[in-house]
Amino acid sequence: MEIQLKESPLGFLYEETEIKTDAQIAMIKKFYDWKYHTELKYKKAKIIAEVYDYLDNFVEDYNGDIIFEYEDNQITVQAVNGVAEIDFVADEGLECTVRTVIPNFRNGEVTFNV
């Protein structure tokens, strides 16, 4: 029995297991998630995005683009060591939701009151 972790052309991961018998070969595929996902938090007028892998391990070596979105406005920031942040200022008393919209990621969001 041989197990391999593979990435689809769309970016999600799956495990492929080949089981051989005298009569046949069977392929079992177990689908996981996107390779990466973001978790967001709001802290002291900043939105912070952290990148994790499909096993929920922090990805310290991720330095790609993080795309934040608020009310159809987007801003792209390059992550440094798996973290990206933006300043966020809004009128006091508002409930705000900020999300990431990165292709081929499971994107996170955070809702908070300013």
N, C-alpha and C. Protein backbone atom coordinates (compact mmCIF):
# COMPACT_ATOMS: atom_id res chain seq x y z
N MET A 1 0.85 -1.18 0.00
CA MET A 1 0.00 0.00 0.00
C MET A 1 0.90 1.24 0.00
N GLU A 2 0.64 2.12 -0.94
CA GLU A 2 1.43 3.35 -1.07
C GLU A 2 0.50 4.55 -0.94
N ILE A 3 0.88 5.51 -0.07
CA ILE A 3 0.07 6.72 0.16
C ILE A 3 0.86 7.92 -0.32
N GLN A 4 0.19 8.78 -1.11
CA GLN A 4 0.83 10.00 -1.60
C GLN A 4 -0.10 11.18 -1.38
N LEU A 5 0.47 12.29 -0.93
CA LEU A 5 -0.29 13.53 -0.82
C LEU A 5 -0.05 14.32 -2.10
N LYS A 6 -1.15 14.72 -2.76
CA LYS A 6 -1.04 15.41 -4.04
C LYS A 6 -1.82 16.72 -3.99
N GLU A 7 -1.45 17.63 -4.89
CA GLU A 7 -2.16 18.90 -5.02
C GLU A 7 -2.85 18.93 -6.38
N SER A 8 -4.14 19.24 -6.37
CA SER A 8 -4.88 19.31 -7.63
C SER A 8 -4.49 20.57 -8.39
N PRO A 9 -4.81 20.64 -9.67
CA PRO A 9 -4.54 21.87 -10.43
C PRO A 9 -5.26 23.10 -9.86
N LEU A 10 -6.35 22.87 -9.12
CA LEU A 10 -7.07 23.98 -8.51
C LEU A 10 -6.49 24.41 -7.17
N GLY A 11 -5.58 23.63 -6.61
CA GLY A 11 -4.91 24.03 -5.38
C GLY A 11 -5.33 23.30 -4.13
N PHE A 12 -6.35 22.43 -4.19
CA PHE A 12 -6.70 21.70 -2.97
C PHE A 12 -5.89 20.41 -2.90
N LEU A 13 -5.77 19.89 -1.69
CA LEU A 13 -4.94 18.72 -1.46
C LEU A 13 -5.78 17.46 -1.31
N TYR A 14 -5.21 16.36 -1.73
CA TYR A 14 -5.87 15.07 -1.53
C TYR A 14 -4.81 14.00 -1.34
N GLU A 15 -5.22 12.95 -0.65
CA GLU A 15 -4.35 11.82 -0.40
C GLU A 15 -4.79 10.69 -1.32
N GLU A 16 -3.84 10.10 -1.99
CA GLU A 16 -4.16 9.01 -2.90
C GLU A 16 -3.47 7.75 -2.39
N THR A 17 -4.26 6.70 -2.18
CA THR A 17 -3.74 5.44 -1.69
C THR A 17 -3.96 4.37 -2.75
N GLU A 18 -2.91 3.67 -3.07
CA GLU A 18 -3.01 2.58 -4.04
C GLU A 18 -2.93 1.26 -3.28
N ILE A 19 -3.94 0.42 -3.47
CA ILE A 19 -3.98 -0.89 -2.82
C ILE A 19 -3.95 -1.94 -3.92
N LYS A 20 -2.93 -2.78 -3.86
CA LYS A 20 -2.76 -3.83 -4.88
C LYS A 20 -3.09 -5.19 -4.27
N THR A 21 -3.85 -5.96 -5.01
CA THR A 21 -4.08 -7.36 -4.66
C THR A 21 -3.68 -8.20 -5.88
N ASP A 22 -3.78 -9.50 -5.75
CA ASP A 22 -3.46 -10.36 -6.89
C ASP A 22 -4.44 -10.15 -8.03
N ALA A 23 -5.67 -9.75 -7.71
CA ALA A 23 -6.71 -9.64 -8.73
C ALA A 23 -6.89 -8.23 -9.28
N GLN A 24 -6.55 -7.21 -8.50
CA GLN A 24 -6.85 -5.84 -8.96
C GLN A 24 -6.01 -4.79 -8.23
N ILE A 25 -6.12 -3.58 -8.73
CA ILE A 25 -5.51 -2.41 -8.09
C ILE A 25 -6.64 -1.43 -7.80
N ALA A 26 -6.72 -0.97 -6.57
CA ALA A 26 -7.75 0.01 -6.18
C ALA A 26 -7.07 1.32 -5.80
N MET A 27 -7.70 2.43 -6.19
CA MET A 27 -7.21 3.76 -5.82
C MET A 27 -8.25 4.39 -4.88
N ILE A 28 -7.80 4.82 -3.73
CA ILE A 28 -8.67 5.50 -2.77
C ILE A 28 -8.19 6.93 -2.66
N LYS A 29 -9.11 7.88 -2.83
CA LYS A 29 -8.76 9.30 -2.72
C LYS A 29 -9.49 9.90 -1.53
N LYS A 30 -8.73 10.58 -0.67
CA LYS A 30 -9.29 11.26 0.49
C LYS A 30 -9.00 12.74 0.31
N PHE A 31 -10.05 13.54 0.20
CA PHE A 31 -9.88 14.97 -0.06
C PHE A 31 -9.77 15.74 1.25
N TYR A 32 -8.87 16.71 1.27
CA TYR A 32 -8.66 17.53 2.45
C TYR A 32 -9.27 18.90 2.24
N ASP A 33 -8.47 19.86 1.97
CA ASP A 33 -8.87 21.26 1.97
C ASP A 33 -7.93 21.97 1.02
N TRP A 34 -8.08 23.27 0.93
CA TRP A 34 -7.09 24.05 0.21
C TRP A 34 -5.76 23.91 0.95
N LYS A 35 -4.69 24.11 0.22
CA LYS A 35 -3.36 23.98 0.82
C LYS A 35 -3.18 24.98 1.95
N TYR A 36 -3.70 26.21 1.77
CA TYR A 36 -3.55 27.26 2.78
C TYR A 36 -4.90 27.86 3.14
N HIS A 37 -4.97 28.42 4.33
CA HIS A 37 -6.12 29.22 4.72
C HIS A 37 -5.66 30.37 5.61
N THR A 38 -6.52 31.38 5.72
CA THR A 38 -6.19 32.54 6.55
C THR A 38 -7.09 32.58 7.77
N GLU A 39 -6.52 33.09 8.85
CA GLU A 39 -7.27 33.41 10.06
C GLU A 39 -7.03 34.89 10.32
N LEU A 40 -8.12 35.62 10.57
CA LEU A 40 -8.03 37.07 10.76
C LEU A 40 -8.42 37.45 12.18
N LYS A 41 -7.82 38.53 12.65
CA LYS A 41 -8.22 39.11 13.93
C LYS A 41 -8.09 40.63 13.86
N TYR A 42 -8.87 41.29 14.68
CA TYR A 42 -8.86 42.75 14.78
C TYR A 42 -8.25 43.11 16.12
N LYS A 43 -7.24 43.98 16.08
CA LYS A 43 -6.56 44.35 17.32
C LYS A 43 -6.01 45.76 17.18
N LYS A 44 -6.48 46.66 18.02
CA LYS A 44 -5.96 48.04 18.09
C LYS A 44 -5.88 48.70 16.72
N ALA A 45 -7.02 48.78 16.03
CA ALA A 45 -7.14 49.45 14.73
C ALA A 45 -6.31 48.78 13.62
N LYS A 46 -6.04 47.50 13.76
CA LYS A 46 -5.33 46.73 12.73
C LYS A 46 -6.08 45.43 12.47
N ILE A 47 -6.06 45.01 11.21
CA ILE A 47 -6.53 43.69 10.83
C ILE A 47 -5.29 42.85 10.56
N ILE A 48 -5.19 41.72 11.22
CA ILE A 48 -4.02 40.86 11.10
C ILE A 48 -4.46 39.53 10.49
N ALA A 49 -3.79 39.13 9.42
CA ALA A 49 -4.06 37.84 8.77
C ALA A 49 -2.85 36.93 8.98
N GLU A 50 -3.13 35.71 9.39
CA GLU A 50 -2.09 34.70 9.54
C GLU A 50 -2.41 33.55 8.60
N VAL A 51 -1.38 32.96 8.02
CA VAL A 51 -1.55 31.88 7.05
C VAL A 51 -1.25 30.54 7.72
N TYR A 52 -2.17 29.58 7.49
CA TYR A 52 -2.04 28.23 8.04
C TYR A 52 -2.18 27.22 6.91
N ASP A 53 -1.63 26.03 7.12
CA ASP A 53 -1.79 24.98 6.12
C ASP A 53 -3.06 24.17 6.40
N TYR A 54 -3.29 23.16 5.60
CA TYR A 54 -4.52 22.37 5.71
C TYR A 54 -4.59 21.56 7.00
N LEU A 55 -3.48 21.42 7.71
CA LEU A 55 -3.46 20.73 9.01
C LEU A 55 -3.48 21.72 10.17
N ASP A 56 -3.74 23.00 9.87
CA ASP A 56 -3.79 24.09 10.86
C ASP A 56 -2.43 24.42 11.48
N ASN A 57 -1.35 24.14 10.77
CA ASN A 57 -0.02 24.55 11.20
C ASN A 57 0.27 25.93 10.62
N PHE A 58 0.79 26.83 11.44
CA PHE A 58 1.17 28.16 10.98
C PHE A 58 2.26 28.02 9.92
N VAL A 59 2.14 28.77 8.81
CA VAL A 59 3.08 28.68 7.70
C VAL A 59 4.02 29.88 7.76
N GLU A 60 5.10 29.72 8.49
CA GLU A 60 6.03 30.82 8.74
C GLU A 60 6.75 31.28 7.48
N ASP A 61 6.90 30.41 6.49
CA ASP A 61 7.66 30.79 5.29
C ASP A 61 6.77 31.30 4.16
N TYR A 62 5.48 31.60 4.43
CA TYR A 62 4.61 32.14 3.39
C TYR A 62 4.86 33.64 3.26
N ASN A 63 5.23 34.08 2.06
CA ASN A 63 5.51 35.49 1.79
C ASN A 63 4.77 36.00 0.56
N GLY A 64 3.64 35.38 0.25
CA GLY A 64 2.84 35.77 -0.91
C GLY A 64 1.87 36.89 -0.59
N ASP A 65 1.04 37.20 -1.57
CA ASP A 65 0.05 38.27 -1.42
C ASP A 65 -1.12 37.84 -0.55
N ILE A 66 -1.58 38.76 0.28
CA ILE A 66 -2.81 38.63 1.05
C ILE A 66 -3.74 39.74 0.56
N ILE A 67 -4.93 39.37 0.12
CA ILE A 67 -5.89 40.36 -0.38
C ILE A 67 -6.99 40.52 0.65
N PHE A 68 -7.07 41.70 1.25
CA PHE A 68 -8.11 42.03 2.22
C PHE A 68 -9.27 42.69 1.48
N GLU A 69 -10.50 42.46 1.95
CA GLU A 69 -11.66 43.09 1.34
C GLU A 69 -12.60 43.61 2.43
N TYR A 70 -13.06 44.85 2.23
CA TYR A 70 -14.07 45.45 3.11
C TYR A 70 -15.02 46.25 2.23
N GLU A 71 -16.30 45.91 2.27
CA GLU A 71 -17.32 46.60 1.47
C GLU A 71 -16.90 46.76 0.00
N ASP A 72 -16.49 45.69 -0.61
CA ASP A 72 -16.10 45.64 -2.02
C ASP A 72 -14.83 46.41 -2.35
N ASN A 73 -14.13 46.91 -1.36
CA ASN A 73 -12.82 47.56 -1.57
C ASN A 73 -11.74 46.55 -1.20
N GLN A 74 -10.75 46.44 -2.06
CA GLN A 74 -9.67 45.48 -1.81
C GLN A 74 -8.33 46.18 -1.68
N ILE A 75 -7.49 45.59 -0.83
CA ILE A 75 -6.11 46.05 -0.70
C ILE A 75 -5.23 44.80 -0.63
N THR A 76 -4.13 44.82 -1.37
CA THR A 76 -3.21 43.69 -1.40
C THR A 76 -1.94 44.05 -0.64
N VAL A 77 -1.56 43.15 0.25
CA VAL A 77 -0.37 43.33 1.08
C VAL A 77 0.45 42.05 1.00
N GLN A 78 1.75 42.19 0.93
CA GLN A 78 2.60 41.00 0.92
C GLN A 78 2.81 40.53 2.35
N ALA A 79 2.57 39.24 2.58
CA ALA A 79 2.82 38.66 3.90
C ALA A 79 4.32 38.57 4.13
N VAL A 80 4.71 38.69 5.37
CA VAL A 80 6.09 38.50 5.79
C VAL A 80 6.06 37.43 6.87
N ASN A 81 6.73 36.32 6.60
CA ASN A 81 6.77 35.20 7.55
C ASN A 81 5.38 34.75 7.96
N GLY A 82 4.47 34.68 6.99
CA GLY A 82 3.13 34.15 7.24
C GLY A 82 2.13 35.11 7.84
N VAL A 83 2.50 36.40 7.97
CA VAL A 83 1.61 37.38 8.59
C VAL A 83 1.53 38.63 7.71
N ALA A 84 0.30 39.16 7.58
CA ALA A 84 0.09 40.44 6.89
C ALA A 84 -0.88 41.25 7.74
N GLU A 85 -0.70 42.56 7.71
CA GLU A 85 -1.63 43.41 8.47
C GLU A 85 -1.89 44.71 7.74
N ILE A 86 -3.07 45.26 8.02
CA ILE A 86 -3.44 46.57 7.49
C ILE A 86 -4.01 47.40 8.62
N ASP A 87 -3.87 48.71 8.50
CA ASP A 87 -4.54 49.62 9.43
C ASP A 87 -6.01 49.67 9.05
N PHE A 88 -6.88 49.76 10.07
CA PHE A 88 -8.31 49.82 9.80
C PHE A 88 -8.95 50.83 10.74
N VAL A 89 -9.48 51.89 10.16
CA VAL A 89 -10.15 52.94 10.92
C VAL A 89 -11.56 53.11 10.35
N ALA A 90 -12.56 53.14 11.22
CA ALA A 90 -13.95 53.34 10.80
C ALA A 90 -14.66 54.15 11.87
N ASP A 91 -15.85 54.61 11.54
CA ASP A 91 -16.65 55.36 12.50
C ASP A 91 -16.97 54.50 13.71
N GLU A 92 -16.89 55.12 14.87
CA GLU A 92 -17.16 54.41 16.12
C GLU A 92 -18.60 53.90 16.14
N GLY A 93 -18.78 52.71 16.67
CA GLY A 93 -20.11 52.12 16.79
C GLY A 93 -20.50 51.23 15.62
N LEU A 94 -19.70 51.19 14.58
CA LEU A 94 -20.02 50.35 13.42
C LEU A 94 -19.63 48.89 13.66
N GLU A 95 -20.43 47.98 13.12
CA GLU A 95 -20.02 46.59 13.06
C GLU A 95 -19.42 46.37 11.67
N CYS A 96 -18.21 45.88 11.63
CA CYS A 96 -17.48 45.73 10.37
C CYS A 96 -17.08 44.27 10.17
N THR A 97 -17.07 43.85 8.91
CA THR A 97 -16.58 42.53 8.55
C THR A 97 -15.51 42.71 7.48
N VAL A 98 -14.33 42.19 7.75
CA VAL A 98 -13.22 42.21 6.80
C VAL A 98 -12.88 40.76 6.50
N ARG A 99 -12.61 40.49 5.24
CA ARG A 99 -12.29 39.11 4.84
C ARG A 99 -11.08 39.13 3.92
N THR A 100 -10.52 37.95 3.71
CA THR A 100 -9.51 37.81 2.66
C THR A 100 -10.19 37.19 1.45
N VAL A 101 -9.68 37.51 0.26
CA VAL A 101 -10.23 36.99 -1.00
C VAL A 101 -9.09 36.53 -1.90
N ILE A 102 -8.33 35.59 -1.42
CA ILE A 102 -7.15 35.09 -2.12
C ILE A 102 -7.56 33.86 -2.94
N PRO A 103 -7.26 33.84 -4.24
CA PRO A 103 -7.61 32.67 -5.04
C PRO A 103 -6.95 31.40 -4.50
N ASN A 104 -7.67 30.30 -4.54
CA ASN A 104 -7.19 28.97 -4.13
C ASN A 104 -6.77 28.91 -2.67
N PHE A 105 -7.40 29.70 -1.83
CA PHE A 105 -7.24 29.67 -0.38
C PHE A 105 -8.61 29.43 0.23
N ARG A 106 -8.64 28.85 1.42
CA ARG A 106 -9.86 28.94 2.23
C ARG A 106 -9.72 30.25 2.98
N ASN A 107 -10.53 31.22 2.61
CA ASN A 107 -10.37 32.58 3.11
C ASN A 107 -11.11 32.77 4.42
N GLY A 108 -10.50 33.56 5.30
CA GLY A 108 -11.09 33.84 6.59
C GLY A 108 -11.74 35.20 6.62
N GLU A 109 -12.47 35.45 7.71
CA GLU A 109 -13.06 36.77 7.92
C GLU A 109 -13.16 37.03 9.41
N VAL A 110 -13.27 38.31 9.73
CA VAL A 110 -13.44 38.71 11.12
C VAL A 110 -14.50 39.80 11.16
N THR A 111 -15.40 39.71 12.14
CA THR A 111 -16.43 40.72 12.36
C THR A 111 -16.21 41.31 13.74
N PHE A 112 -16.27 42.63 13.82
CA PHE A 112 -15.96 43.32 15.08
C PHE A 112 -16.70 44.64 15.13
N ASN A 113 -16.80 45.20 16.33
CA ASN A 113 -17.37 46.53 16.53
C ASN A 113 -16.24 47.51 16.77
N VAL A 114 -16.32 48.64 16.09
CA VAL A 114 -15.28 49.67 16.22
C VAL A 114 -15.62 50.55 17.40
